[in-house]
Structure formats: C-alpha cells, structure tokens
Amino acid sequence: QVQLVESGGGLVQAGGSLRLSCAASGRTFSSYAMGWFRQAPGKEREFVAAISWSGGTTFHADSVKGRFTLSRDNAKNTVSLQMNSLKPEDTAIYYCAASRTASVRSDDYAYWGQGTQVTVSS
C-alpha cells in the first residue's frame, strides 16, 4: 500500500511558478507509476501528467505541455511537478496518484493523496 501527501500549493499571480511535491510512504514506491490530476470547481477531474516507475517516460496533457514538468526521485520517494507560466485556468485542487502503469485515466490509479490547492490570480 502507498500513502501520498501533496505539498507546495498556494496562491500565485499569472505567469508565476509553483513546484508541487508528493511524498510517498512505503518501500514499493519505485514500482509505481505516478500521475498528477486536477479538479477545478464545478469540473471533472482531469489528467495533468504521468511518469513511469523508472522516470524514463513522461507525458503531459496538451493544456500544460511546455509549461509543466514532472519528475521523480525514487531514492527520496518523491515526485515533483514544476509548474511555470501559470494561468488562471490552472486554478484547481491538484492530486497525485499511484498506479501500476502510467496512464491518463484516473480509474487506473489505486492510491490518491488528499490534494493541494493551486490558485492563479489574473
């Protein structure tokens, strides 16, 4: 079992940056692919980015491609989402999640954190 705790959210002006982190407990972290999803008020949860267990493969949603970068450190049991050039439409609760395979589908992720709020002001 994997427990996930996100951090790094906050309030930032448009064009600014934030770095979200997800700390995982458990010895098997390195065997899991990790993903980030977000949910804005009144909207469905959407895929943001995912990374394979080794970190060798990453993919990002078109809406964040070129602005967000996902990375992981298996030695520290952490995954990080660097968010640059933030836009008001990036405002949402951001969740990290763990899956046996990197996927864009939230249903494929068995473990979820509690989420961290990101607010981008215009």
PDB file of N, CA and C in Angstrom:
ATOM      1  N   GLN A   1       0.841  -1.183   0.000  1.00  0.00           N
ATOM      2  CA  GLN A   1       0.000   0.000   0.000  1.00  0.00           C
ATOM      3  C   GLN A   1       0.881   1.240   0.000  1.00  0.00           C
ATOM      4  N   VAL A   2       0.400   2.294  -0.629  1.00  0.00           N
ATOM      5  CA  VAL A   2       1.150   3.539  -0.746  1.00  0.00           C
ATOM      6  C   VAL A   2       0.304   4.677  -0.183  1.00  0.00           C
ATOM      7  N   GLN A   3       0.911   5.482   0.660  1.00  0.00           N
ATOM      8  CA  GLN A   3       0.242   6.691   1.155  1.00  0.00           C
ATOM      9  C   GLN A   3       0.927   7.904   0.548  1.00  0.00           C
ATOM     10  N   LEU A   4       0.128   8.861   0.098  1.00  0.00           N
ATOM     11  CA  LEU A   4       0.647  10.003  -0.646  1.00  0.00           C
ATOM     12  C   LEU A   4       0.240  11.305   0.033  1.00  0.00           C
ATOM     13  N   VAL A   5       1.182  12.225   0.126  1.00  0.00           N
ATOM     14  CA  VAL A   5       0.909  13.532   0.721  1.00  0.00           C
ATOM     15  C   VAL A   5       1.471  14.617  -0.199  1.00  0.00           C
ATOM     16  N   GLU A   6       0.581  15.483  -0.693  1.00  0.00           N
ATOM     17  CA  GLU A   6       0.995  16.567  -1.570  1.00  0.00           C
ATOM     18  C   GLU A   6       1.344  17.814  -0.758  1.00  0.00           C
ATOM     19  N   SER A   7       2.206  18.643  -1.335  1.00  0.00           N
ATOM     20  CA  SER A   7       2.545  19.923  -0.738  1.00  0.00           C
ATOM     21  C   SER A   7       2.977  20.872  -1.841  1.00  0.00           C
ATOM     22  N   GLY A   8       3.064  22.152  -1.495  1.00  0.00           N
ATOM     23  CA  GLY A   8       3.577  23.129  -2.442  1.00  0.00           C
ATOM     24  C   GLY A   8       2.542  24.004  -3.109  1.00  0.00           C
ATOM     25  N   GLY A   9       1.269  23.745  -2.854  1.00  0.00           N
ATOM     26  CA  GLY A   9       0.240  24.582  -3.453  1.00  0.00           C
ATOM     27  C   GLY A   9       0.224  25.968  -2.834  1.00  0.00           C
ATOM     28  N   GLY A  10      -0.552  26.865  -3.433  1.00  0.00           N
ATOM     29  CA  GLY A  10      -0.657  28.212  -2.909  1.00  0.00           C
ATOM     30  C   GLY A  10      -1.261  29.157  -3.904  1.00  0.00           C
ATOM     31  N   LEU A  11      -1.118  30.441  -3.608  1.00  0.00           N
ATOM     32  CA  LEU A  11      -1.649  31.500  -4.458  1.00  0.00           C
ATOM     33  C   LEU A  11      -0.496  32.147  -5.209  1.00  0.00           C
ATOM     34  N   VAL A  12      -0.655  32.292  -6.514  1.00  0.00           N
ATOM     35  CA  VAL A  12       0.398  32.878  -7.338  1.00  0.00           C
ATOM     36  C   VAL A  12      -0.248  33.714  -8.424  1.00  0.00           C
ATOM     37  N   GLN A  13       0.465  34.728  -8.878  1.00  0.00           N
ATOM     38  CA  GLN A  13      -0.054  35.549  -9.970  1.00  0.00           C
ATOM     39  C   GLN A  13       0.165  34.851 -11.307  1.00  0.00           C
ATOM     40  N   ALA A  14      -0.646  35.196 -12.263  1.00  0.00           N
ATOM     41  CA  ALA A  14      -0.492  34.653 -13.613  1.00  0.00           C
ATOM     42  C   ALA A  14       0.922  34.921 -14.116  1.00  0.00           C
ATOM     43  N   GLY A  15       1.494  33.911 -14.742  1.00  0.00           N
ATOM     44  CA  GLY A  15       2.865  33.997 -15.218  1.00  0.00           C
ATOM     45  C   GLY A  15       3.883  33.495 -14.223  1.00  0.00           C
ATOM     46  N   GLY A  16       3.452  33.257 -12.993  1.00  0.00           N
ATOM     47  CA  GLY A  16       4.358  32.787 -11.963  1.00  0.00           C
ATOM     48  C   GLY A  16       4.563  31.288 -11.993  1.00  0.00           C
ATOM     49  N   SER A  17       5.283  30.797 -10.985  1.00  0.00           N
ATOM     50  CA  SER A  17       5.635  29.379 -10.907  1.00  0.00           C
ATOM     51  C   SER A  17       5.334  28.816  -9.526  1.00  0.00           C
ATOM     52  N   LEU A  18       5.073  27.533  -9.511  1.00  0.00           N
ATOM     53  CA  LEU A  18       4.946  26.764  -8.273  1.00  0.00           C
ATOM     54  C   LEU A  18       5.544  25.393  -8.515  1.00  0.00           C
ATOM     55  N   ARG A  19       6.000  24.793  -7.430  1.00  0.00           N
ATOM     56  CA  ARG A  19       6.508  23.425  -7.511  1.00  0.00           C
ATOM     57  C   ARG A  19       5.737  22.575  -6.518  1.00  0.00           C
ATOM     58  N   LEU A  20       4.979  21.637  -7.029  1.00  0.00           N
ATOM     59  CA  LEU A  20       4.232  20.717  -6.179  1.00  0.00           C
ATOM     60  C   LEU A  20       5.073  19.467  -5.921  1.00  0.00           C
ATOM     61  N   SER A  21       4.982  18.975  -4.713  1.00  0.00           N
ATOM     62  CA  SER A  21       5.672  17.741  -4.365  1.00  0.00           C
ATOM     63  C   SER A  21       4.685  16.731  -3.822  1.00  0.00           C
ATOM     64  N   CYS A  22       5.013  15.487  -4.009  1.00  0.00           N
ATOM     65  CA  CYS A  22       4.195  14.398  -3.493  1.00  0.00           C
ATOM     66  C   CYS A  22       5.148  13.427  -2.809  1.00  0.00           C
ATOM     67  N   ALA A  23       4.983  13.271  -1.518  1.00  0.00           N
ATOM     68  CA  ALA A  23       5.809  12.351  -0.747  1.00  0.00           C
ATOM     69  C   ALA A  23       5.055  11.054  -0.538  1.00  0.00           C
ATOM     70  N   ALA A  24       5.727   9.958  -0.791  1.00  0.00           N
ATOM     71  CA  ALA A  24       5.088   8.650  -0.686  1.00  0.00           C
ATOM     72  C   ALA A  24       5.704   7.829   0.420  1.00  0.00           C
ATOM     73  N   SER A  25       4.865   7.102   1.109  1.00  0.00           N
ATOM     74  CA  SER A  25       5.355   6.155   2.109  1.00  0.00           C
ATOM     75  C   SER A  25       5.325   4.765   1.505  1.00  0.00           C
ATOM     76  N   GLY A  26       6.109   3.869   2.079  1.00  0.00           N
ATOM     77  CA  GLY A  26       6.093   2.504   1.582  1.00  0.00           C
ATOM     78  C   GLY A  26       7.345   2.173   0.803  1.00  0.00           C
ATOM     79  N   ARG A  27       7.767   0.933   0.903  1.00  0.00           N
ATOM     80  CA  ARG A  27       9.008   0.505   0.280  1.00  0.00           C
ATOM     81  C   ARG A  27       8.875   0.284  -1.216  1.00  0.00           C
ATOM     82  N   THR A  28       7.634   0.210  -1.693  1.00  0.00           N
ATOM     83  CA  THR A  28       7.431  -0.160  -3.089  1.00  0.00           C
ATOM     84  C   THR A  28       7.179   1.029  -3.994  1.00  0.00           C
ATOM     85  N   PHE A  29       7.485   2.227  -3.534  1.00  0.00           N
ATOM     86  CA  PHE A  29       7.209   3.433  -4.321  1.00  0.00           C
ATOM     87  C   PHE A  29       7.810   3.315  -5.712  1.00  0.00           C
ATOM     88  N   SER A  30       9.036   2.822  -5.813  1.00  0.00           N
ATOM     89  CA  SER A  30       9.728   2.785  -7.092  1.00  0.00           C
ATOM     90  C   SER A  30       9.093   1.833  -8.091  1.00  0.00           C
ATOM     91  N   SER A  31       8.160   1.013  -7.654  1.00  0.00           N
ATOM     92  CA  SER A  31       7.493   0.097  -8.569  1.00  0.00           C
ATOM     93  C   SER A  31       6.215   0.683  -9.142  1.00  0.00           C
ATOM     94  N   TYR A  32       5.850   1.880  -8.718  1.00  0.00           N
ATOM     95  CA  TYR A  32       4.613   2.511  -9.155  1.00  0.00           C
ATOM     96  C   TYR A  32       4.878   3.644 -10.130  1.00  0.00           C
ATOM     97  N   ALA A  33       4.037   3.713 -11.148  1.00  0.00           N
ATOM     98  CA  ALA A  33       3.957   4.913 -11.964  1.00  0.00           C
ATOM     99  C   ALA A  33       3.182   5.954 -11.160  1.00  0.00           C
ATOM    100  N   MET A  34       3.481   7.213 -11.423  1.00  0.00           N
ATOM    101  CA  MET A  34       2.835   8.285 -10.674  1.00  0.00           C
ATOM    102  C   MET A  34       2.171   9.264 -11.632  1.00  0.00           C
ATOM    103  N   GLY A  35       1.077   9.809 -11.183  1.00  0.00           N
ATOM    104  CA  GLY A  35       0.377  10.774 -12.006  1.00  0.00           C
ATOM    105  C   GLY A  35      -0.095  11.959 -11.185  1.00  0.00           C
ATOM    106  N   TRP A  36      -0.356  13.049 -11.866  1.00  0.00           N
ATOM    107  CA  TRP A  36      -0.988  14.222 -11.280  1.00  0.00           C
ATOM    108  C   TRP A  36      -2.292  14.495 -12.031  1.00  0.00           C
ATOM    109  N   PHE A  37      -3.309  14.786 -11.264  1.00  0.00           N
ATOM    110  CA  PHE A  37      -4.601  15.168 -11.808  1.00  0.00           C
ATOM    111  C   PHE A  37      -5.028  16.457 -11.120  1.00  0.00           C
ATOM    112  N   ARG A  38      -5.998  17.125 -11.704  1.00  0.00           N
ATOM    113  CA  ARG A  38      -6.510  18.335 -11.062  1.00  0.00           C
ATOM    114  C   ARG A  38      -8.021  18.424 -11.255  1.00  0.00           C
ATOM    115  N   GLN A  39      -8.631  19.129 -10.337  1.00  0.00           N
ATOM    116  CA  GLN A  39     -10.073  19.315 -10.411  1.00  0.00           C
ATOM    117  C   GLN A  39     -10.410  20.743 -10.021  1.00  0.00           C
ATOM    118  N   ALA A  40     -10.998  21.446 -10.957  1.00  0.00           N
ATOM    119  CA  ALA A  40     -11.453  22.812 -10.722  1.00  0.00           C
ATOM    120  C   ALA A  40     -12.898  22.784 -10.254  1.00  0.00           C
ATOM    121  N   PRO A  41     -13.347  23.830  -9.573  1.00  0.00           N
ATOM    122  CA  PRO A  41     -14.735  23.858  -9.084  1.00  0.00           C
ATOM    123  C   PRO A  41     -15.732  23.662 -10.214  1.00  0.00           C
ATOM    124  N   GLY A  42     -16.651  22.739 -10.016  1.00  0.00           N
ATOM    125  CA  GLY A  42     -17.691  22.505 -10.999  1.00  0.00           C
ATOM    126  C   GLY A  42     -17.252  21.713 -12.213  1.00  0.00           C
ATOM    127  N   LYS A  43     -16.014  21.240 -12.199  1.00  0.00           N
ATOM    128  CA  LYS A  43     -15.498  20.492 -13.346  1.00  0.00           C
ATOM    129  C   LYS A  43     -15.063  19.092 -12.930  1.00  0.00           C
ATOM    130  N   GLU A  44     -14.943  18.223 -13.909  1.00  0.00           N
ATOM    131  CA  GLU A  44     -14.476  16.868 -13.631  1.00  0.00           C
ATOM    132  C   GLU A  44     -12.951  16.867 -13.423  1.00  0.00           C
ATOM    133  N   ARG A  45     -12.497  15.843 -12.727  1.00  0.00           N
ATOM    134  CA  ARG A  45     -11.065  15.672 -12.533  1.00  0.00           C
ATOM    135  C   ARG A  45     -10.416  15.411 -13.887  1.00  0.00           C
ATOM    136  N   GLU A  46      -9.288  16.050 -14.143  1.00  0.00           N
ATOM    137  CA  GLU A  46      -8.618  15.868 -15.417  1.00  0.00           C
ATOM    138  C   GLU A  46      -7.147  15.516 -15.234  1.00  0.00           C
ATOM    139  N   PHE A  47      -6.649  14.791 -16.203  1.00  0.00           N
ATOM    140  CA  PHE A  47      -5.254  14.370 -16.211  1.00  0.00           C
ATOM    141  C   PHE A  47      -4.339  15.565 -16.445  1.00  0.00           C
ATOM    142  N   VAL A  48      -3.205  15.581 -15.739  1.00  0.00           N
ATOM    143  CA  VAL A  48      -2.203  16.629 -15.928  1.00  0.00           C
ATOM    144  C   VAL A  48      -0.908  16.036 -16.482  1.00  0.00           C
ATOM    145  N   ALA A  49      -0.361  15.041 -15.785  1.00  0.00           N
ATOM    146  CA  ALA A  49       0.921  14.468 -16.211  1.00  0.00           C
ATOM    147  C   ALA A  49       1.112  13.125 -15.534  1.00  0.00           C
ATOM    148  N   ALA A  50       1.953  12.279 -16.141  1.00  0.00           N
ATOM    149  CA  ALA A  50       2.266  10.979 -15.559  1.00  0.00           C
ATOM    150  C   ALA A  50       3.712  10.636 -15.856  1.00  0.00           C
ATOM    151  N   ILE A  51       4.264   9.775 -14.995  1.00  0.00           N
ATOM    152  CA  ILE A  51       5.660   9.362 -15.150  1.00  0.00           C
ATOM    153  C   ILE A  51       5.769   7.883 -14.818  1.00  0.00           C
ATOM    154  N   SER A  52       6.570   7.177 -15.584  1.00  0.00           N
ATOM    155  CA  SER A  52       6.739   5.741 -15.361  1.00  0.00           C
ATOM    156  C   SER A  52       7.504   5.473 -14.075  1.00  0.00           C
ATOM    157  N   TRP A  53       7.535   4.205 -13.650  1.00  0.00           N
ATOM    158  CA  TRP A  53       8.184   3.873 -12.387  1.00  0.00           C
ATOM    159  C   TRP A  53       9.668   4.237 -12.397  1.00  0.00           C
ATOM    160  N   SER A  54      10.296   4.154 -13.565  1.00  0.00           N
ATOM    161  CA  SER A  54      11.727   4.449 -13.660  1.00  0.00           C
ATOM    162  C   SER A  54      12.003   5.925 -13.884  1.00  0.00           C
ATOM    163  N   GLY A  55      10.980   6.659 -14.273  1.00  0.00           N
ATOM    164  CA  GLY A  55      11.186   8.056 -14.631  1.00  0.00           C
ATOM    165  C   GLY A  55      11.599   8.237 -16.075  1.00  0.00           C
ATOM    166  N   GLY A  56      11.721   7.146 -16.804  1.00  0.00           N
ATOM    167  CA  GLY A  56      12.196   7.229 -18.171  1.00  0.00           C
ATOM    168  C   GLY A  56      11.164   7.708 -19.165  1.00  0.00           C
ATOM    169  N   THR A  57       9.913   7.616 -18.779  1.00  0.00           N
ATOM    170  CA  THR A  57       8.827   8.046 -19.663  1.00  0.00           C
ATOM    171  C   THR A  57       7.908   8.999 -18.925  1.00  0.00           C
ATOM    172  N   THR A  58       7.646  10.123 -19.551  1.00  0.00           N
ATOM    173  CA  THR A  58       6.694  11.078 -19.002  1.00  0.00           C
ATOM    174  C   THR A  58       5.750  11.525 -20.107  1.00  0.00           C
ATOM    175  N   PHE A  59       4.555  11.860 -19.738  1.00  0.00           N
ATOM    176  CA  PHE A  59       3.665  12.509 -20.696  1.00  0.00           C
ATOM    177  C   PHE A  59       2.780  13.505 -19.968  1.00  0.00           C
ATOM    178  N   HIS A  60       2.418  14.536 -20.699  1.00  0.00           N
ATOM    179  CA  HIS A  60       1.697  15.662 -20.134  1.00  0.00           C
ATOM    180  C   HIS A  60       0.481  15.977 -20.986  1.00  0.00           C
ATOM    181  N   ALA A  61      -0.536  16.479 -20.327  1.00  0.00           N
ATOM    182  CA  ALA A  61      -1.713  16.923 -21.055  1.00  0.00           C
ATOM    183  C   ALA A  61      -1.341  18.078 -21.981  1.00  0.00           C
ATOM    184  N   ASP A  62      -2.026  18.183 -23.089  1.00  0.00           N
ATOM    185  CA  ASP A  62      -1.731  19.255 -24.043  1.00  0.00           C
ATOM    186  C   ASP A  62      -1.851  20.631 -23.395  1.00  0.00           C
ATOM    187  N   SER A  63      -2.767  20.760 -22.459  1.00  0.00           N
ATOM    188  CA  SER A  63      -3.011  22.064 -21.828  1.00  0.00           C
ATOM    189  C   SER A  63      -1.838  22.547 -20.979  1.00  0.00           C
ATOM    190  N   VAL A  64      -0.949  21.632 -20.596  1.00  0.00           N
ATOM    191  CA  VAL A  64       0.177  22.018 -19.740  1.00  0.00           C
ATOM    192  C   VAL A  64       1.518  21.756 -20.401  1.00  0.00           C
ATOM    193  N   LYS A  65       1.509  21.144 -21.565  1.00  0.00           N
ATOM    194  CA  LYS A  65       2.757  20.785 -22.240  1.00  0.00           C
ATOM    195  C   LYS A  65       3.593  22.040 -22.500  1.00  0.00           C
ATOM    196  N   GLY A  66       4.871  21.939 -22.170  1.00  0.00           N
ATOM    197  CA  GLY A  66       5.765  23.068 -22.343  1.00  0.00           C
ATOM    198  C   GLY A  66       5.794  24.015 -21.162  1.00  0.00           C
ATOM    199  N   ARG A  67       4.850  23.846 -20.239  1.00  0.00           N
ATOM    200  CA  ARG A  67       4.812  24.702 -19.038  1.00  0.00           C
ATOM    201  C   ARG A  67       5.055  23.898 -17.770  1.00  0.00           C
ATOM    202  N   PHE A  68       4.555  22.681 -17.718  1.00  0.00           N
ATOM    203  CA  PHE A  68       4.687  21.824 -16.537  1.00  0.00           C
ATOM    204  C   PHE A  68       5.693  20.707 -16.835  1.00  0.00           C
ATOM    205  N   THR A  69       6.458  20.334 -15.813  1.00  0.00           N
ATOM    206  CA  THR A  69       7.415  19.236 -15.958  1.00  0.00           C
ATOM    207  C   THR A  69       7.317  18.328 -14.744  1.00  0.00           C
ATOM    208  N   LEU A  70       7.145  17.051 -15.015  1.00  0.00           N
ATOM    209  CA  LEU A  70       7.031  16.052 -13.950  1.00  0.00           C
ATOM    210  C   LEU A  70       8.330  15.281 -13.817  1.00  0.00           C
ATOM    211  N   SER A  71       8.758  15.071 -12.583  1.00  0.00           N
ATOM    212  CA  SER A  71       9.965  14.297 -12.338  1.00  0.00           C
ATOM    213  C   SER A  71       9.787  13.496 -11.052  1.00  0.00           C
ATOM    214  N   ARG A  72      10.676  12.545 -10.824  1.00  0.00           N
ATOM    215  CA  ARG A  72      10.598  11.751  -9.607  1.00  0.00           C
ATOM    216  C   ARG A  72      12.000  11.438  -9.105  1.00  0.00           C
ATOM    217  N   ASP A  73      12.073  11.181  -7.797  1.00  0.00           N
ATOM    218  CA  ASP A  73      13.314  10.763  -7.154  1.00  0.00           C
ATOM    219  C   ASP A  73      12.979   9.532  -6.327  1.00  0.00           C
ATOM    220  N   ASN A  74      13.282   8.370  -6.848  1.00  0.00           N
ATOM    221  CA  ASN A  74      12.926   7.130  -6.163  1.00  0.00           C
ATOM    222  C   ASN A  74      13.710   6.936  -4.870  1.00  0.00           C
ATOM    223  N   ALA A  75      14.882   7.517  -4.791  1.00  0.00           N
ATOM    224  CA  ALA A  75      15.670   7.408  -3.556  1.00  0.00           C
ATOM    225  C   ALA A  75      15.008   8.172  -2.412  1.00  0.00           C
ATOM    226  N   LYS A  76      14.246   9.208  -2.756  1.00  0.00           N
ATOM    227  CA  LYS A  76      13.586  10.033  -1.741  1.00  0.00           C
ATOM    228  C   LYS A  76      12.088   9.791  -1.678  1.00  0.00           C
ATOM    229  N   ASN A  77      11.609   8.867  -2.494  1.00  0.00           N
ATOM    230  CA  ASN A  77      10.165   8.578  -2.531  1.00  0.00           C
ATOM    231  C   ASN A  77       9.336   9.828  -2.804  1.00  0.00           C
ATOM    232  N   THR A  78       9.769  10.619  -3.753  1.00  0.00           N
ATOM    233  CA  THR A  78       9.031  11.828  -4.070  1.00  0.00           C
ATOM    234  C   THR A  78       8.836  11.984  -5.571  1.00  0.00           C
ATOM    235  N   VAL A  79       7.781  12.675  -5.915  1.00  0.00           N
ATOM    236  CA  VAL A  79       7.531  13.068  -7.287  1.00  0.00           C
ATOM    237  C   VAL A  79       7.194  14.552  -7.262  1.00  0.00           C
ATOM    238  N   SER A  80       7.688  15.291  -8.248  1.00  0.00           N
ATOM    239  CA  SER A  80       7.525  16.742  -8.253  1.00  0.00           C
ATOM    240  C   SER A  80       6.932  17.212  -9.572  1.00  0.00           C
ATOM    241  N   LEU A  81       6.101  18.213  -9.461  1.00  0.00           N
ATOM    242  CA  LEU A  81       5.501  18.826 -10.645  1.00  0.00           C
ATOM    243  C   LEU A  81       5.895  20.295 -10.649  1.00  0.00           C
ATOM    244  N   GLN A  82       6.805  20.648 -11.543  1.00  0.00           N
ATOM    245  CA  GLN A  82       7.223  22.034 -11.703  1.00  0.00           C
ATOM    246  C   GLN A  82       6.251  22.711 -12.652  1.00  0.00           C
ATOM    247  N   MET A  83       5.622  23.785 -12.178  1.00  0.00           N
ATOM    248  CA  MET A  83       4.608  24.484 -12.970  1.00  0.00           C
ATOM    249  C   MET A  83       5.072  25.904 -13.241  1.00  0.00           C
ATOM    250  N   ASN A  84       5.303  26.218 -14.493  1.00  0.00           N
ATOM    251  CA  ASN A  84       5.742  27.548 -14.902  1.00  0.00           C
ATOM    252  C   ASN A  84       4.675  28.205 -15.768  1.00  0.00           C
ATOM    253  N   SER A  85       4.812  29.508 -15.935  1.00  0.00           N
ATOM    254  CA  SER A  85       3.877  30.267 -16.781  1.00  0.00           C
ATOM    255  C   SER A  85       2.429  29.947 -16.437  1.00  0.00           C
ATOM    256  N   LEU A  86       2.132  29.995 -15.173  1.00  0.00           N
ATOM    257  CA  LEU A  86       0.797  29.612 -14.722  1.00  0.00           C
ATOM    258  C   LEU A  86      -0.273  30.573 -15.223  1.00  0.00           C
ATOM    259  N   LYS A  87      -1.444  30.006 -15.483  1.00  0.00           N
ATOM    260  CA  LYS A  87      -2.574  30.753 -15.991  1.00  0.00           C
ATOM    261  C   LYS A  87      -3.741  30.625 -15.015  1.00  0.00           C
ATOM    262  N   PRO A  88      -4.660  31.574 -15.024  1.00  0.00           N
ATOM    263  CA  PRO A  88      -5.829  31.452 -14.136  1.00  0.00           C
ATOM    264  C   PRO A  88      -6.583  30.141 -14.329  1.00  0.00           C
ATOM    265  N   GLU A  89      -6.600  29.618 -15.535  1.00  0.00           N
ATOM    266  CA  GLU A  89      -7.312  28.360 -15.781  1.00  0.00           C
ATOM    267  C   GLU A  89      -6.596  27.147 -15.192  1.00  0.00           C
ATOM    268  N   ASP A  90      -5.404  27.339 -14.649  1.00  0.00           N
ATOM    269  CA  ASP A  90      -4.723  26.259 -13.939  1.00  0.00           C
ATOM    270  C   ASP A  90      -5.215  26.126 -12.497  1.00  0.00           C
ATOM    271  N   THR A  91      -6.045  27.067 -12.075  1.00  0.00           N
ATOM    272  CA  THR A  91      -6.569  27.018 -10.720  1.00  0.00           C
ATOM    273  C   THR A  91      -7.376  25.746 -10.499  1.00  0.00           C
ATOM    274  N   ALA A  92      -7.008  24.997  -9.463  1.00  0.00           N
ATOM    275  CA  ALA A  92      -7.665  23.717  -9.190  1.00  0.00           C
ATOM    276  C   ALA A  92      -7.043  23.104  -7.945  1.00  0.00           C
ATOM    277  N   ILE A  93      -7.646  22.033  -7.488  1.00  0.00           N
ATOM    278  CA  ILE A  93      -7.004  21.177  -6.497  1.00  0.00           C
ATOM    279  C   ILE A  93      -6.206  20.141  -7.280  1.00  0.00           C
ATOM    280  N   TYR A  94      -4.948  19.998  -6.918  1.00  0.00           N
ATOM    281  CA  TYR A  94      -4.058  19.076  -7.604  1.00  0.00           C
ATOM    282  C   TYR A  94      -3.823  17.839  -6.734  1.00  0.00           C
ATOM    283  N   TYR A  95      -3.974  16.677  -7.371  1.00  0.00           N
ATOM    284  CA  TYR A  95      -3.832  15.410  -6.682  1.00  0.00           C
ATOM    285  C   TYR A  95      -2.715  14.587  -7.306  1.00  0.00           C
ATOM    286  N   CYS A  96      -1.919  13.953  -6.479  1.00  0.00           N
ATOM    287  CA  CYS A  96      -1.000  12.951  -7.014  1.00  0.00           C
ATOM    288  C   CYS A  96      -1.593  11.575  -6.756  1.00  0.00           C
ATOM    289  N   ALA A  97      -1.206  10.636  -7.590  1.00  0.00           N
ATOM    290  CA  ALA A  97      -1.782   9.309  -7.528  1.00  0.00           C
ATOM    291  C   ALA A  97      -0.762   8.279  -7.993  1.00  0.00           C
ATOM    292  N   ALA A  98      -0.933   7.047  -7.541  1.00  0.00           N
ATOM    293  CA  ALA A  98      -0.015   5.956  -7.872  1.00  0.00           C
ATOM    294  C   ALA A  98      -0.757   4.847  -8.599  1.00  0.00           C
ATOM    295  N   SER A  99      -0.083   4.304  -9.598  1.00  0.00           N
ATOM    296  CA  SER A  99      -0.681   3.247 -10.419  1.00  0.00           C
ATOM    297  C   SER A  99       0.389   2.246 -10.811  1.00  0.00           C
ATOM    298  N   ARG A 100      -0.031   1.053 -11.167  1.00  0.00           N
ATOM    299  CA  ARG A 100       0.937   0.051 -11.633  1.00  0.00           C
ATOM    300  C   ARG A 100       1.460   0.400 -13.024  1.00  0.00           C
ATOM    301  N   THR A 101       0.678   1.170 -13.791  1.00  0.00           N
ATOM    302  CA  THR A 101       1.124   1.595 -15.115  1.00  0.00           C
ATOM    303  C   THR A 101       0.811   3.070 -15.307  1.00  0.00           C
ATOM    304  N   ALA A 102       1.702   3.778 -15.970  1.00  0.00           N
ATOM    305  CA  ALA A 102       1.457   5.187 -16.257  1.00  0.00           C
ATOM    306  C   ALA A 102       0.256   5.304 -17.179  1.00  0.00           C
ATOM    307  N   SER A 103      -0.664   6.141 -16.814  1.00  0.00           N
ATOM    308  CA  SER A 103      -1.925   6.219 -17.539  1.00  0.00           C
ATOM    309  C   SER A 103      -2.507   7.612 -17.443  1.00  0.00           C
ATOM    310  N   VAL A 104      -3.358   7.960 -18.408  1.00  0.00           N
ATOM    311  CA  VAL A 104      -4.077   9.227 -18.362  1.00  0.00           C
ATOM    312  C   VAL A 104      -5.438   9.056 -17.700  1.00  0.00           C
ATOM    313  N   ARG A 105      -5.804   7.811 -17.405  1.00  0.00           N
ATOM    314  CA  ARG A 105      -7.119   7.526 -16.844  1.00  0.00           C
ATOM    315  C   ARG A 105      -7.072   7.495 -15.332  1.00  0.00           C
ATOM    316  N   SER A 106      -7.893   8.276 -14.696  1.00  0.00           N
ATOM    317  CA  SER A 106      -7.901   8.304 -13.235  1.00  0.00           C
ATOM    318  C   SER A 106      -8.323   6.963 -12.657  1.00  0.00           C
ATOM    319  N   ASP A 107      -9.133   6.214 -13.372  1.00  0.00           N
ATOM    320  CA  ASP A 107      -9.589   4.912 -12.873  1.00  0.00           C
ATOM    321  C   ASP A 107      -8.450   3.906 -12.731  1.00  0.00           C
ATOM    322  N   ASP A 108      -7.340   4.153 -13.392  1.00  0.00           N
ATOM    323  CA  ASP A 108      -6.205   3.237 -13.324  1.00  0.00           C
ATOM    324  C   ASP A 108      -5.341   3.456 -12.084  1.00  0.00           C
ATOM    325  N   TYR A 109      -5.633   4.503 -11.341  1.00  0.00           N
ATOM    326  CA  TYR A 109      -4.814   4.842 -10.180  1.00  0.00           C
ATOM    327  C   TYR A 109      -5.482   4.350  -8.905  1.00  0.00           C
ATOM    328  N   ALA A 110      -4.742   3.542  -8.135  1.00  0.00           N
ATOM    329  CA  ALA A 110      -5.320   2.919  -6.942  1.00  0.00           C
ATOM    330  C   ALA A 110      -5.157   3.768  -5.693  1.00  0.00           C
ATOM    331  N   TYR A 111      -4.128   4.592  -5.671  1.00  0.00           N
ATOM    332  CA  TYR A 111      -3.824   5.360  -4.461  1.00  0.00           C
ATOM    333  C   TYR A 111      -3.799   6.847  -4.794  1.00  0.00           C
ATOM    334  N   TRP A 112      -4.363   7.627  -3.880  1.00  0.00           N
ATOM    335  CA  TRP A 112      -4.508   9.065  -4.096  1.00  0.00           C
ATOM    336  C   TRP A 112      -4.133   9.842  -2.842  1.00  0.00           C
ATOM    337  N   GLY A 113      -3.554  11.017  -3.071  1.00  0.00           N
ATOM    338  CA  GLY A 113      -3.344  11.933  -1.970  1.00  0.00           C
ATOM    339  C   GLY A 113      -4.594  12.751  -1.703  1.00  0.00           C
ATOM    340  N   GLN A 114      -4.505  13.629  -0.723  1.00  0.00           N
ATOM    341  CA  GLN A 114      -5.651  14.450  -0.333  1.00  0.00           C
ATOM    342  C   GLN A 114      -5.801  15.699  -1.193  1.00  0.00           C
ATOM    343  N   GLY A 115      -4.761  16.049  -1.912  1.00  0.00           N
ATOM    344  CA  GLY A 115      -4.832  17.202  -2.795  1.00  0.00           C
ATOM    345  C   GLY A 115      -4.229  18.457  -2.188  1.00  0.00           C
ATOM    346  N   THR A 116      -3.802  19.355  -3.064  1.00  0.00           N
ATOM    347  CA  THR A 116      -3.273  20.645  -2.636  1.00  0.00           C
ATOM    348  C   THR A 116      -3.845  21.719  -3.563  1.00  0.00           C
ATOM    349  N   GLN A 117      -4.270  22.826  -2.988  1.00  0.00           N
ATOM    350  CA  GLN A 117      -4.929  23.868  -3.751  1.00  0.00           C
ATOM    351  C   GLN A 117      -3.918  24.758  -4.456  1.00  0.00           C
ATOM    352  N   VAL A 118      -4.159  24.985  -5.735  1.00  0.00           N
ATOM    353  CA  VAL A 118      -3.375  25.944  -6.517  1.00  0.00           C
ATOM    354  C   VAL A 118      -4.345  27.004  -7.025  1.00  0.00           C
ATOM    355  N   THR A 119      -4.041  28.252  -6.728  1.00  0.00           N
ATOM    356  CA  THR A 119      -4.867  29.360  -7.185  1.00  0.00           C
ATOM    357  C   THR A 119      -3.995  30.342  -7.947  1.00  0.00           C
ATOM    358  N   VAL A 120      -4.399  30.645  -9.171  1.00  0.00           N
ATOM    359  CA  VAL A 120      -3.646  31.577 -10.014  1.00  0.00           C
ATOM    360  C   VAL A 120      -4.517  32.798 -10.252  1.00  0.00           C
ATOM    361  N   SER A 121      -4.039  33.928  -9.798  1.00  0.00           N
ATOM    362  CA  SER A 121      -4.808  35.160  -9.961  1.00  0.00           C
ATOM    363  C   SER A 121      -4.407  35.881 -11.249  1.00  0.00           C
ATOM    364  N   SER A 122      -5.376  36.565 -11.834  1.00  0.00           N
ATOM    365  CA  SER A 122      -5.105  37.264 -13.094  1.00  0.00           C
ATOM    366  C   SER A 122      -4.593  38.673 -12.856  1.00  0.00           C
TER     367      SER A 122
END
